[in-house]
Full PDB file with SEQRES, HELIX, SHEET, SSBOND, CRYST1, ORIGX, SCALE, CONECT and MASTER records, all heavy atoms in Angstrom:
SEQRES   1 A   32  VAL GLY PHE ALA LEU LEU ALA VAL ALA ARG ASP ALA GLY          
SEQRES   2 A   32  LEU LEU PRO ARG LEU ARG LEU PRO GLN ASN ALA ARG GLN          
SEQRES   3 A   32  VAL PRO GLN ASP VAL LEU                                      
HELIX    1 AA1 GLY A    2  ASP A   11  1                                  10    
HELIX    2 AA2 GLN A   29  VAL A   31  5                                   3    
CRYST1    1.000    1.000    1.000  90.00  90.00  90.00 P 1           1          
ORIGX1      1.000000  0.000000  0.000000        0.00000                         
ORIGX2      0.000000  1.000000  0.000000        0.00000                         
ORIGX3      0.000000  0.000000  1.000000        0.00000                         
SCALE1      1.000000  0.000000  0.000000        0.00000                         
SCALE2      0.000000  1.000000  0.000000        0.00000                         
SCALE3      0.000000  0.000000  1.000000        0.00000                         
ATOM      1  N   VAL A   1     228.720 113.456  21.421  1.00  0.00           N  
ATOM      2  CA  VAL A   1     227.402 113.284  20.791  1.00  0.00           C  
ATOM      3  C   VAL A   1     226.701 112.049  21.347  1.00  0.00           C  
ATOM      4  O   VAL A   1     225.503 112.089  21.652  1.00  0.00           O  
ATOM      5  CB  VAL A   1     227.522 113.214  19.253  1.00  0.00           C  
ATOM      6  CG1 VAL A   1     226.208 112.821  18.614  1.00  0.00           C  
ATOM      7  CG2 VAL A   1     228.007 114.544  18.701  1.00  0.00           C  
ATOM      8  N   GLY A   2     227.429 110.966  21.499  1.00  0.00           N  
ATOM      9  CA  GLY A   2     226.828 109.744  22.043  1.00  0.00           C  
ATOM     10  C   GLY A   2     226.258 109.948  23.436  1.00  0.00           C  
ATOM     11  O   GLY A   2     225.130 109.537  23.738  1.00  0.00           O  
ATOM     12  N   PHE A   3     227.027 110.604  24.299  1.00  0.00           N  
ATOM     13  CA  PHE A   3     226.540 110.860  25.655  1.00  0.00           C  
ATOM     14  C   PHE A   3     225.366 111.832  25.636  1.00  0.00           C  
ATOM     15  O   PHE A   3     224.408 111.686  26.401  1.00  0.00           O  
ATOM     16  CB  PHE A   3     227.674 111.404  26.535  1.00  0.00           C  
ATOM     17  CG  PHE A   3     227.327 111.395  27.992  1.00  0.00           C  
ATOM     18  CD1 PHE A   3     227.404 110.228  28.726  1.00  0.00           C  
ATOM     19  CD2 PHE A   3     226.915 112.551  28.623  1.00  0.00           C  
ATOM     20  CE1 PHE A   3     227.076 110.205  30.075  1.00  0.00           C  
ATOM     21  CE2 PHE A   3     226.583 112.556  29.971  1.00  0.00           C  
ATOM     22  CZ  PHE A   3     226.661 111.371  30.701  1.00  0.00           C  
ATOM     23  N   ALA A   4     225.414 112.811  24.736  1.00  0.00           N  
ATOM     24  CA  ALA A   4     224.300 113.760  24.622  1.00  0.00           C  
ATOM     25  C   ALA A   4     223.027 113.049  24.168  1.00  0.00           C  
ATOM     26  O   ALA A   4     221.930 113.380  24.632  1.00  0.00           O  
ATOM     27  CB  ALA A   4     224.671 114.881  23.653  1.00  0.00           C  
ATOM     28  N   LEU A   5     223.159 112.070  23.271  1.00  0.00           N  
ATOM     29  CA  LEU A   5     221.983 111.301  22.856  1.00  0.00           C  
ATOM     30  C   LEU A   5     221.398 110.514  24.029  1.00  0.00           C  
ATOM     31  O   LEU A   5     220.175 110.408  24.167  1.00  0.00           O  
ATOM     32  CB  LEU A   5     222.341 110.364  21.703  1.00  0.00           C  
ATOM     33  CG  LEU A   5     222.581 111.033  20.357  1.00  0.00           C  
ATOM     34  CD1 LEU A   5     223.152 110.040  19.355  1.00  0.00           C  
ATOM     35  CD2 LEU A   5     221.295 111.662  19.834  1.00  0.00           C  
ATOM     36  N   LEU A   6     222.264 109.983  24.883  1.00  0.00           N  
ATOM     37  CA  LEU A   6     221.779 109.321  26.100  1.00  0.00           C  
ATOM     38  C   LEU A   6     221.039 110.316  26.998  1.00  0.00           C  
ATOM     39  O   LEU A   6     220.025 109.979  27.608  1.00  0.00           O  
ATOM     40  CB  LEU A   6     222.939 108.697  26.872  1.00  0.00           C  
ATOM     41  CG  LEU A   6     223.514 107.407  26.327  1.00  0.00           C  
ATOM     42  CD1 LEU A   6     224.756 107.011  27.119  1.00  0.00           C  
ATOM     43  CD2 LEU A   6     222.476 106.296  26.377  1.00  0.00           C  
ATOM     44  N   ALA A   7     221.549 111.537  27.075  1.00  0.00           N  
ATOM     45  CA  ALA A   7     220.899 112.573  27.882  1.00  0.00           C  
ATOM     46  C   ALA A   7     219.498 112.881  27.345  1.00  0.00           C  
ATOM     47  O   ALA A   7     218.537 113.003  28.113  1.00  0.00           O  
ATOM     48  CB  ALA A   7     221.748 113.845  27.907  1.00  0.00           C  
ATOM     49  N   VAL A   8     219.380 112.988  26.028  1.00  0.00           N  
ATOM     50  CA  VAL A   8     218.062 113.242  25.424  1.00  0.00           C  
ATOM     51  C   VAL A   8     217.125 112.078  25.726  1.00  0.00           C  
ATOM     52  O   VAL A   8     215.974 112.287  26.123  1.00  0.00           O  
ATOM     53  CB  VAL A   8     218.176 113.462  23.894  1.00  0.00           C  
ATOM     54  CG1 VAL A   8     216.805 113.495  23.242  1.00  0.00           C  
ATOM     55  CG2 VAL A   8     218.932 114.742  23.593  1.00  0.00           C  
ATOM     56  N   ALA A   9     217.610 110.861  25.548  1.00  0.00           N  
ATOM     57  CA  ALA A   9     216.773 109.683  25.808  1.00  0.00           C  
ATOM     58  C   ALA A   9     216.341 109.620  27.272  1.00  0.00           C  
ATOM     59  O   ALA A   9     215.187 109.314  27.576  1.00  0.00           O  
ATOM     60  CB  ALA A   9     217.526 108.407  25.425  1.00  0.00           C  
ATOM     61  N   ARG A  10     217.239 109.947  28.179  1.00  0.00           N  
ATOM     62  CA  ARG A  10     216.888 109.936  29.607  1.00  0.00           C  
ATOM     63  C   ARG A  10     215.841 111.000  29.914  1.00  0.00           C  
ATOM     64  O   ARG A  10     214.855 110.746  30.594  1.00  0.00           O  
ATOM     65  CB  ARG A  10     218.130 110.168  30.466  1.00  0.00           C  
ATOM     66  CG  ARG A  10     217.819 110.127  31.957  1.00  0.00           C  
ATOM     67  CD  ARG A  10     219.044 110.470  32.785  1.00  0.00           C  
ATOM     68  NE  ARG A  10     218.712 110.495  34.180  1.00  0.00           N  
ATOM     69  CZ  ARG A  10     218.182 111.548  34.802  1.00  0.00           C  
ATOM     70  NH1 ARG A  10     217.928 112.655  34.141  1.00  0.00           N  
ATOM     71  NH2 ARG A  10     217.917 111.488  36.096  1.00  0.00           N  
ATOM     72  N   ASP A  11     216.040 112.215  29.404  1.00  0.00           N  
ATOM     73  CA  ASP A  11     215.096 113.301  29.677  1.00  0.00           C  
ATOM     74  C   ASP A  11     213.746 113.065  29.007  1.00  0.00           C  
ATOM     75  O   ASP A  11     212.722 113.545  29.494  1.00  0.00           O  
ATOM     76  CB  ASP A  11     215.680 114.643  29.237  1.00  0.00           C  
ATOM     77  CG  ASP A  11     216.803 115.103  30.155  1.00  0.00           C  
ATOM     78  OD1 ASP A  11     216.961 114.514  31.252  1.00  0.00           O  
ATOM     79  OD2 ASP A  11     217.523 116.039  29.782  1.00  0.00           O  
ATOM     80  N   ALA A  12     213.743 112.321  27.913  1.00  0.00           N  
ATOM     81  CA  ALA A  12     212.483 112.004  27.232  1.00  0.00           C  
ATOM     82  C   ALA A  12     211.756 110.840  27.893  1.00  0.00           C  
ATOM     83  O   ALA A  12     210.663 110.473  27.485  1.00  0.00           O  
ATOM     84  CB  ALA A  12     212.749 111.689  25.765  1.00  0.00           C  
ATOM     85  N   GLY A  13     212.369 110.243  28.908  1.00  0.00           N  
ATOM     86  CA  GLY A  13     211.731 109.148  29.629  1.00  0.00           C  
ATOM     87  C   GLY A  13     211.997 107.776  29.043  1.00  0.00           C  
ATOM     88  O   GLY A  13     211.393 106.789  29.468  1.00  0.00           O  
ATOM     89  N   LEU A  14     212.896 107.684  28.068  1.00  0.00           N  
ATOM     90  CA  LEU A  14     213.204 106.408  27.446  1.00  0.00           C  
ATOM     91  C   LEU A  14     214.179 105.572  28.277  1.00  0.00           C  
ATOM     92  O   LEU A  14     214.265 104.365  28.101  1.00  0.00           O  
ATOM     93  CB  LEU A  14     213.781 106.629  26.046  1.00  0.00           C  
ATOM     94  CG  LEU A  14     212.869 107.400  25.080  1.00  0.00           C  
ATOM     95  CD1 LEU A  14     213.589 107.676  23.776  1.00  0.00           C  
ATOM     96  CD2 LEU A  14     211.583 106.630  24.839  1.00  0.00           C  
ATOM     97  N   LEU A  15     214.915 106.235  29.176  1.00  0.00           N  
ATOM     98  CA  LEU A  15     215.867 105.558  30.061  1.00  0.00           C  
ATOM     99  C   LEU A  15     215.599 105.987  31.505  1.00  0.00           C  
ATOM    100  O   LEU A  15     216.458 106.603  32.146  1.00  0.00           O  
ATOM    101  CB  LEU A  15     217.314 105.908  29.687  1.00  0.00           C  
ATOM    102  CG  LEU A  15     217.771 105.557  28.281  1.00  0.00           C  
ATOM    103  CD1 LEU A  15     219.151 106.140  28.003  1.00  0.00           C  
ATOM    104  CD2 LEU A  15     217.793 104.051  28.107  1.00  0.00           C  
ATOM    105  N   PRO A  16     214.432 105.673  32.036  1.00  0.00           N  
ATOM    106  CA  PRO A  16     214.064 106.193  33.360  1.00  0.00           C  
ATOM    107  C   PRO A  16     214.929 105.652  34.494  1.00  0.00           C  
ATOM    108  O   PRO A  16     215.008 106.258  35.551  1.00  0.00           O  
ATOM    109  CB  PRO A  16     212.610 105.767  33.533  1.00  0.00           C  
ATOM    110  CG  PRO A  16     212.463 104.567  32.642  1.00  0.00           C  
ATOM    111  CD  PRO A  16     213.395 104.805  31.491  1.00  0.00           C  
ATOM    112  N   ARG A  17     215.562 104.525  34.313  1.00  0.00           N  
ATOM    113  CA  ARG A  17     216.346 103.924  35.396  1.00  0.00           C  
ATOM    114  C   ARG A  17     217.791 104.422  35.429  1.00  0.00           C  
ATOM    115  O   ARG A  17     218.548 104.039  36.300  1.00  0.00           O  
ATOM    116  CB  ARG A  17     216.333 102.416  35.277  1.00  0.00           C  
ATOM    117  CG  ARG A  17     214.951 101.870  35.534  1.00  0.00           C  
ATOM    118  CD  ARG A  17     214.969 100.383  35.550  1.00  0.00           C  
ATOM    119  NE  ARG A  17     213.596  99.916  35.739  1.00  0.00           N  
ATOM    120  CZ  ARG A  17     213.272  98.674  35.897  1.00  0.00           C  
ATOM    121  NH1 ARG A  17     214.194  97.747  35.877  1.00  0.00           N  
ATOM    122  NH2 ARG A  17     212.017  98.329  36.065  1.00  0.00           N  
ATOM    123  N   LEU A  18     218.167 105.239  34.468  1.00  0.00           N  
ATOM    124  CA  LEU A  18     219.528 105.764  34.424  1.00  0.00           C  
ATOM    125  C   LEU A  18     219.632 106.919  35.424  1.00  0.00           C  
ATOM    126  O   LEU A  18     219.163 108.018  35.180  1.00  0.00           O  
ATOM    127  CB  LEU A  18     219.878 106.247  33.016  1.00  0.00           C  
ATOM    128  CG  LEU A  18     221.269 106.826  32.821  1.00  0.00           C  
ATOM    129  CD1 LEU A  18     222.332 105.778  33.139  1.00  0.00           C  
ATOM    130  CD2 LEU A  18     221.432 107.331  31.412  1.00  0.00           C  
ATOM    131  N   ARG A  19     220.234 106.632  36.581  1.00  0.00           N  
ATOM    132  CA  ARG A  19     220.377 107.634  37.632  1.00  0.00           C  
ATOM    133  C   ARG A  19     221.708 108.346  37.470  1.00  0.00           C  
ATOM    134  O   ARG A  19     222.719 107.726  37.155  1.00  0.00           O  
ATOM    135  CB  ARG A  19     220.283 106.990  39.005  1.00  0.00           C  
ATOM    136  CG  ARG A  19     218.903 106.421  39.304  1.00  0.00           C  
ATOM    137  CD  ARG A  19     218.841 105.714  40.643  1.00  0.00           C  
ATOM    138  NE  ARG A  19     219.438 106.467  41.727  1.00  0.00           N  
ATOM    139  CZ  ARG A  19     218.766 107.261  42.570  1.00  0.00           C  
ATOM    140  NH1 ARG A  19     217.474 107.377  42.442  1.00  0.00           N  
ATOM    141  NH2 ARG A  19     219.390 107.898  43.531  1.00  0.00           N  
ATOM    142  N   LEU A  20     221.693 109.639  37.701  1.00  0.00           N  
ATOM    143  CA  LEU A  20     222.903 110.432  37.593  1.00  0.00           C  
ATOM    144  C   LEU A  20     223.387 110.823  38.989  1.00  0.00           C  
ATOM    145  O   LEU A  20     222.576 110.988  39.901  1.00  0.00           O  
ATOM    146  CB  LEU A  20     222.619 111.690  36.763  1.00  0.00           C  
ATOM    147  CG  LEU A  20     222.166 111.407  35.336  1.00  0.00           C  
ATOM    148  CD1 LEU A  20     221.719 112.686  34.661  1.00  0.00           C  
ATOM    149  CD2 LEU A  20     223.291 110.767  34.544  1.00  0.00           C  
ATOM    150  N   PRO A  21     224.688 110.980  39.177  1.00  0.00           N  
ATOM    151  CA  PRO A  21     225.197 111.332  40.503  1.00  0.00           C  
ATOM    152  C   PRO A  21     224.790 112.755  40.890  1.00  0.00           C  
ATOM    153  O   PRO A  21     224.888 113.674  40.087  1.00  0.00           O  
ATOM    154  CB  PRO A  21     226.714 111.238  40.337  1.00  0.00           C  
ATOM    155  CG  PRO A  21     226.960 111.390  38.883  1.00  0.00           C  
ATOM    156  CD  PRO A  21     225.752 110.848  38.191  1.00  0.00           C  
ATOM    157  N   GLN A  22     224.309 112.890  42.101  1.00  0.00           N  
ATOM    158  CA  GLN A  22     223.940 114.212  42.592  1.00  0.00           C  
ATOM    159  C   GLN A  22     223.699 114.168  44.087  1.00  0.00           C  
ATOM    160  O   GLN A  22     223.472 113.111  44.657  1.00  0.00           O  
ATOM    161  CB  GLN A  22     222.702 114.741  41.882  1.00  0.00           C  
ATOM    162  CG  GLN A  22     221.430 113.941  42.142  1.00  0.00           C  
ATOM    163  CD  GLN A  22     220.248 114.555  41.431  1.00  0.00           C  
ATOM    164  OE1 GLN A  22     220.175 115.751  41.243  1.00  0.00           O  
ATOM    165  NE2 GLN A  22     219.318 113.732  41.014  1.00  0.00           N  
ATOM    166  N   ASN A  23     223.758 115.304  44.702  1.00  0.00           N  
ATOM    167  CA  ASN A  23     223.414 115.485  46.097  1.00  0.00           C  
ATOM    168  C   ASN A  23     222.031 116.126  46.075  1.00  0.00           C  
ATOM    169  O   ASN A  23     221.904 117.343  46.034  1.00  0.00           O  
ATOM    170  CB  ASN A  23     224.446 116.390  46.785  1.00  0.00           C  
ATOM    171  CG  ASN A  23     224.183 116.561  48.251  1.00  0.00           C  
ATOM    172  OD1 ASN A  23     223.326 115.896  48.820  1.00  0.00           O  
ATOM    173  ND2 ASN A  23     224.912 117.466  48.873  1.00  0.00           N  
ATOM    174  N   ALA A  24     221.003 115.326  46.039  1.00  0.00           N  
ATOM    175  CA  ALA A  24     219.640 115.784  45.732  1.00  0.00           C  
ATOM    176  C   ALA A  24     218.993 116.563  46.882  1.00  0.00           C  
ATOM    177  O   ALA A  24     218.087 116.098  47.549  1.00  0.00           O  
ATOM    178  CB  ALA A  24     218.768 114.595  45.341  1.00  0.00           C  
ATOM    179  N   ARG A  25     219.483 117.773  47.071  1.00  0.00           N  
ATOM    180  CA  ARG A  25     218.877 118.691  48.034  1.00  0.00           C  
ATOM    181  C   ARG A  25     218.791 120.051  47.367  1.00  0.00           C  
ATOM    182  O   ARG A  25     219.766 120.531  46.796  1.00  0.00           O  
ATOM    183  CB  ARG A  25     219.723 118.793  49.303  1.00  0.00           C  
ATOM    184  CG  ARG A  25     219.803 117.477  50.063  1.00  0.00           C  
ATOM    185  CD  ARG A  25     220.582 117.630  51.339  1.00  0.00           C  
ATOM    186  NE  ARG A  25     221.957 118.007  51.028  1.00  0.00           N  
ATOM    187  CZ  ARG A  25     222.734 118.717  51.838  1.00  0.00           C  
ATOM    188  NH1 ARG A  25     222.282 119.143  52.980  1.00  0.00           N  
ATOM    189  NH2 ARG A  25     223.967 119.003  51.500  1.00  0.00           N  
ATOM    190  N   GLN A  26     217.641 120.664  47.442  1.00  0.00           N  
ATOM    191  CA  GLN A  26     217.460 121.973  46.835  1.00  0.00           C  
ATOM    192  C   GLN A  26     217.751 123.084  47.836  1.00  0.00           C  
ATOM    193  O   GLN A  26     217.609 122.901  49.047  1.00  0.00           O  
ATOM    194  CB  GLN A  26     216.030 122.140  46.321  1.00  0.00           C  
ATOM    195  CG  GLN A  26     215.737 121.285  45.105  1.00  0.00           C  
ATOM    196  CD  GLN A  26     214.358 121.562  44.572  1.00  0.00           C  
ATOM    197  OE1 GLN A  26     213.381 121.449  45.292  1.00  0.00           O  
ATOM    198  NE2 GLN A  26     214.288 121.933  43.315  1.00  0.00           N  
ATOM    199  N   VAL A  27     218.130 124.244  47.305  1.00  0.00           N  
ATOM    200  CA  VAL A  27     218.257 125.428  48.137  1.00  0.00           C  
ATOM    201  C   VAL A  27     216.841 125.829  48.533  1.00  0.00           C  
ATOM    202  O   VAL A  27     215.967 125.959  47.671  1.00  0.00           O  
ATOM    203  CB  VAL A  27     218.945 126.568  47.363  1.00  0.00           C  
ATOM    204  CG1 VAL A  27     219.026 127.823  48.209  1.00  0.00           C  
ATOM    205  CG2 VAL A  27     220.320 126.139  46.881  1.00  0.00           C  
ATOM    206  N   PRO A  28     216.571 126.012  49.830  1.00  0.00           N  
ATOM    207  CA  PRO A  28     215.210 126.363  50.251  1.00  0.00           C  
ATOM    208  C   PRO A  28     214.730 127.667  49.600  1.00  0.00           C  
ATOM    209  O   PRO A  28     215.512 128.595  49.413  1.00  0.00           O  
ATOM    210  CB  PRO A  28     215.334 126.538  51.773  1.00  0.00           C  
ATOM    211  CG  PRO A  28     216.590 125.848  52.150  1.00  0.00           C  
ATOM    212  CD  PRO A  28     217.485 125.883  50.948  1.00  0.00           C  
ATOM    213  N   GLN A  29     213.446 127.723  49.269  1.00  0.00           N  
ATOM    214  CA  GLN A  29     212.898 128.910  48.608  1.00  0.00           C  
ATOM    215  C   GLN A  29     213.002 130.154  49.469  1.00  0.00           C  
ATOM    216  O   GLN A  29     213.151 131.260  48.959  1.00  0.00           O  
ATOM    217  CB  GLN A  29     211.443 128.670  48.220  1.00  0.00           C  
ATOM    218  CG  GLN A  29     211.279 127.714  47.078  1.00  0.00           C  
ATOM    219  CD  GLN A  29     209.835 127.558  46.661  1.00  0.00           C  
ATOM    220  OE1 GLN A  29     208.932 128.060  47.315  1.00  0.00           O  
ATOM    221  NE2 GLN A  29     209.614 126.860  45.571  1.00  0.00           N  
ATOM    222  N   ASP A  30     212.940 129.992  50.781  1.00  0.00           N  
ATOM    223  CA  ASP A  30     212.981 131.180  51.635  1.00  0.00           C  
ATOM    224  C   ASP A  30     214.333 131.878  51.596  1.00  0.00           C  
ATOM    225  O   ASP A  30     214.451 133.034  51.987  1.00  0.00           O  
ATOM    226  CB  ASP A  30     212.581 130.838  53.071  1.00  0.00           C  
ATOM    227  CG  ASP A  30     213.589 129.935  53.770  1.00  0.00           C  
ATOM    228  OD1 ASP A  30     214.191 129.081  53.092  1.00  0.00           O  
ATOM    229  OD2 ASP A  30     213.762 130.104  54.996  1.00  0.00           O  
ATOM    230  N   VAL A  31     215.375 131.215  51.075  1.00  0.00           N  
ATOM    231  CA  VAL A  31     216.680 131.859  50.926  1.00  0.00           C  
ATOM    232  C   VAL A  31     216.553 133.078  50.013  1.00  0.00           C  
ATOM    233  O   VAL A  31     217.091 134.140  50.300  1.00  0.00           O  
ATOM    234  CB  VAL A  31     217.719 130.857  50.364  1.00  0.00           C  
ATOM    235  CG1 VAL A  31     218.972 131.557  49.878  1.00  0.00           C  
ATOM    236  CG2 VAL A  31     218.063 129.818  51.407  1.00  0.00           C  
ATOM    237  N   LEU A  32     215.832 132.941  48.927  1.00  0.00           N  
ATOM    238  CA  LEU A  32     215.657 134.053  47.986  1.00  0.00           C  
ATOM    239  C   LEU A  32     214.577 135.027  48.448  1.00  0.00           C  
ATOM    240  O   LEU A  32     214.576 136.184  48.049  1.00  0.00           O  
ATOM    241  CB  LEU A  32     215.315 133.515  46.595  1.00  0.00           C  
ATOM    242  CG  LEU A  32     216.430 132.721  45.928  1.00  0.00           C  
ATOM    243  CD1 LEU A  32     215.925 132.065  44.662  1.00  0.00           C  
ATOM    244  CD2 LEU A  32     217.614 133.607  45.625  1.00  0.00           C  
TER     245      LEU A  32                                                      
MASTER        0    0    0    2    0    0    0    6  244    1    0    3          
END                                                                             
């Protein structure tokens, strides 16, 4: 629940500097 509350706060823009780990590349649209 605590981590989920952090997720809500981040998505609501209350914690904009909280970066999450990811490989930020999208699948190109032409694939579909």
